[in-house]
């Protein structure tokens, strides 16, 4: 009888340790493809997580095709949109993205040949964008509602996905 009790206590303790380990790991390295999460919630989670100086992460809003997505990375000045040229119809879609940004008050920053591209990307201020060989980078800031509207506008006008319920959302948090 005592052996059964000892084994039961051991298994219960082991289960508790595994549970705590999983929770700690989730807190420090979240990566998920969440079907019921909304655009606003994903943006909020990323920005809230980014309040620590050691935090990093990104969120991807995807459609049905592997080329239909909008992605943001967490940077010091807020979320950074990256619109790669590898998209299907890359340059055409990049031009559509640029036009949407311009209509939303974004300004193009001229590429400076004497400064590394990475330096130019990470020094962007809210409302600025730059086009480099691998794509368009735009600093969209920290306003959750503005970022949500921009995301839905891009997904709708470029990929024809009008309902945010259709988006597959991947949220990755590190820190």
Protein backbone atom coordinates (compact mmCIF):
# COMPACT_ATOMS: atom_id res chain seq x y z
CA UNK A 1 0.00 0.00 0.00
CA UNK A 2 2.80 2.42 0.86
CA UNK A 3 4.52 1.78 -2.48
CA UNK A 4 1.32 2.67 -4.35
CA UNK A 5 1.07 5.93 -2.40
CA UNK A 6 4.71 6.77 -3.04
CA UNK A 7 4.31 6.07 -6.76
CA UNK A 8 1.12 8.17 -6.89
CA UNK A 9 2.82 11.09 -5.14
CA UNK A 10 5.85 10.75 -7.42
CA UNK A 11 3.68 10.77 -10.58
CA UNK A 12 1.66 13.73 -9.32
CA UNK A 13 4.87 15.65 -8.53
CA UNK A 14 6.32 14.80 -11.94
CA UNK A 15 3.16 15.99 -13.66
CA UNK A 16 3.30 19.26 -11.73
CA UNK A 17 6.97 19.81 -12.65
CA UNK A 18 6.25 19.18 -16.35
CA UNK A 19 3.25 21.55 -16.21
CA UNK A 20 5.35 24.33 -14.63
CA UNK A 21 8.17 23.78 -17.15
CA UNK A 22 5.74 24.02 -20.09
CA UNK A 23 4.18 27.23 -18.70
CA UNK A 24 7.59 28.86 -18.18
CA UNK A 25 8.69 27.83 -21.67
CA UNK A 26 5.47 29.20 -23.20
CA UNK A 27 5.98 32.50 -21.42
CA UNK A 28 9.52 32.89 -22.75
CA UNK A 29 9.11 31.49 -26.24
CA UNK A 30 5.59 31.68 -27.60
CA UNK A 31 5.04 30.46 -31.09
CA UNK A 32 1.60 29.62 -32.18
CA UNK A 33 -0.76 29.32 -35.05
CA UNK A 34 -3.92 30.40 -33.32
CA UNK A 35 -7.16 29.91 -35.23
CA UNK A 36 -9.44 32.04 -33.04
CA UNK A 37 -7.16 34.96 -32.30
CA UNK A 38 -8.12 38.28 -33.87
CA UNK A 39 -5.83 40.73 -35.65
CA UNK A 40 -6.17 43.30 -32.85
CA UNK A 41 -5.37 40.72 -30.17
CA UNK A 42 -2.25 39.48 -31.99
CA UNK A 43 -0.95 43.03 -32.44
CA UNK A 44 -1.69 43.82 -28.79
CA UNK A 45 0.11 40.65 -27.62
CA UNK A 46 3.19 41.49 -29.68
CA UNK A 47 3.36 45.13 -28.59
CA UNK A 48 2.70 44.29 -24.93
CA UNK A 49 5.34 41.58 -24.97
CA UNK A 50 7.77 44.06 -26.51
CA UNK A 51 7.86 46.33 -23.47
CA UNK A 52 10.97 44.49 -22.27
CA UNK A 53 14.19 45.59 -23.97
CA UNK A 54 15.21 41.96 -24.49
CA UNK A 55 11.96 40.93 -26.16
CA UNK A 56 11.60 40.22 -29.83
CA UNK A 57 8.98 38.64 -31.99
CA UNK A 58 6.80 38.84 -35.05
CA UNK A 59 3.29 38.25 -36.25
CA UNK A 60 2.21 36.96 -39.65
CA UNK A 61 -1.30 37.35 -41.05
CA UNK A 62 -1.64 34.82 -43.88
CA UNK A 63 -4.22 34.00 -46.52
CA UNK A 64 -4.76 30.86 -48.53
CA UNK A 65 -1.59 30.98 -50.64
CA UNK A 66 1.95 30.78 -49.29
CA UNK A 67 2.53 34.20 -50.88
CA UNK A 68 -0.51 35.91 -49.32
CA UNK A 69 0.70 37.37 -46.04
CA UNK A 70 1.43 40.54 -44.13
CA UNK A 71 4.11 40.39 -41.46
CA UNK A 72 5.39 42.66 -38.75
CA UNK A 73 8.44 42.36 -36.52
CA UNK A 74 8.80 43.95 -33.12
CA UNK A 75 11.29 46.83 -33.10
CA UNK A 76 12.14 49.67 -30.69
CA UNK A 77 9.94 52.21 -32.50
CA UNK A 78 6.98 49.82 -32.80
CA UNK A 79 6.05 47.26 -35.42
CA UNK A 80 8.00 47.09 -38.65
CA UNK A 81 6.12 45.92 -41.74
CA UNK A 82 8.18 43.88 -44.19
CA UNK A 83 6.73 43.38 -47.64
CA UNK A 84 9.13 41.05 -49.46
CA UNK A 85 9.64 41.02 -53.20
CA UNK A 86 9.41 37.21 -53.12
CA UNK A 87 5.62 37.47 -53.10
CA UNK A 88 3.90 36.03 -56.15
CA UNK A 89 3.74 38.99 -58.58
CA UNK A 90 6.25 40.57 -56.20
CA UNK A 91 6.89 43.97 -57.78
CA UNK A 92 3.24 44.51 -58.71
CA UNK A 93 2.09 43.70 -55.18
CA UNK A 94 4.92 45.78 -53.70
CA UNK A 95 3.64 48.73 -55.73
CA UNK A 96 0.10 48.15 -54.43
CA UNK A 97 1.44 48.02 -50.87
CA UNK A 98 3.39 51.24 -51.42
CA UNK A 99 0.28 53.01 -52.79
CA UNK A 100 -1.73 51.95 -49.73
CA UNK A 101 1.01 53.26 -47.44
CA UNK A 102 1.12 56.59 -49.30
CA UNK A 103 -2.69 56.91 -49.02
CA UNK A 104 -2.25 56.37 -45.27
CA UNK A 105 0.28 59.20 -44.97
CA UNK A 106 3.53 57.24 -45.12
CA UNK A 107 6.63 58.87 -46.64
CA UNK A 108 9.35 57.20 -48.72
CA UNK A 109 12.87 57.56 -47.37
CA UNK A 110 15.53 57.62 -50.06
CA UNK A 111 18.08 54.80 -49.89
CA UNK A 112 21.49 56.11 -48.86
CA UNK A 113 24.30 54.22 -50.54
CA UNK A 114 26.85 55.10 -47.84
CA UNK A 115 24.76 53.66 -44.97
CA UNK A 116 24.13 49.95 -44.40
CA UNK A 117 20.56 48.91 -45.30
CA UNK A 118 19.98 47.44 -41.83
CA UNK A 119 20.85 50.77 -40.22
CA UNK A 120 18.38 52.55 -42.47
CA UNK A 121 15.62 50.02 -41.73
CA UNK A 122 15.95 50.19 -37.96
CA UNK A 123 16.19 53.98 -37.90
CA UNK A 124 12.80 54.40 -39.60
CA UNK A 125 10.32 56.52 -37.66
CA UNK A 126 6.56 55.97 -37.59
CA UNK A 127 5.09 56.72 -41.01
CA UNK A 128 8.31 56.18 -42.95
CA UNK A 129 9.15 53.41 -45.40
CA UNK A 130 12.10 52.37 -47.51
CA UNK A 131 12.35 50.04 -50.50
CA UNK A 132 15.44 47.85 -50.70
CA UNK A 133 16.37 44.88 -52.91
CA UNK A 134 14.56 42.35 -50.73
CA UNK A 135 11.40 44.38 -50.22
CA UNK A 136 9.62 47.26 -48.57
CA UNK A 137 10.07 48.11 -44.88
CA UNK A 138 7.68 50.47 -43.11
CA UNK A 139 7.59 51.60 -39.49
CA UNK A 140 3.91 51.42 -38.51
CA UNK A 141 4.32 52.43 -34.87
CA UNK A 142 2.42 51.22 -31.83
CA UNK A 143 -1.20 52.24 -32.38
CA UNK A 144 -3.09 48.94 -32.35
CA UNK A 145 -6.17 50.24 -34.17
CA UNK A 146 -4.14 51.90 -36.94
CA UNK A 147 -2.07 48.75 -37.47
CA UNK A 148 -5.24 46.60 -37.53
CA UNK A 149 -6.84 48.85 -40.18
CA UNK A 150 -3.64 48.84 -42.26
CA UNK A 151 -3.41 45.03 -42.03
CA UNK A 152 -7.02 44.52 -43.10
CA UNK A 153 -6.60 47.07 -45.93
CA UNK A 154 -3.50 45.28 -47.24
CA UNK A 155 -5.08 41.82 -46.94
CA UNK A 156 -8.30 42.99 -48.59
CA UNK A 157 -6.94 45.15 -51.41
CA UNK A 158 -4.02 42.95 -52.39
CA UNK A 159 -5.15 39.41 -51.58
CA UNK A 160 -8.94 39.80 -51.68
CA UNK A 161 -9.36 38.65 -48.07
CA UNK A 162 -12.03 40.96 -46.70
CA UNK A 163 -12.86 39.08 -43.51
CA UNK A 164 -10.20 38.90 -40.79
CA UNK A 165 -11.75 35.60 -39.68
CA UNK A 166 -10.13 34.13 -42.83
CA UNK A 167 -6.59 34.99 -41.71
CA UNK A 168 -4.23 32.40 -40.36
CA UNK A 169 -2.28 34.14 -37.63
CA UNK A 170 1.17 33.11 -36.42
CA UNK A 171 2.52 34.91 -33.37
CA UNK A 172 6.13 34.31 -32.27
CA UNK A 173 7.44 35.86 -29.06
CA UNK A 174 11.04 35.55 -27.83
CA UNK A 175 12.73 37.00 -24.82
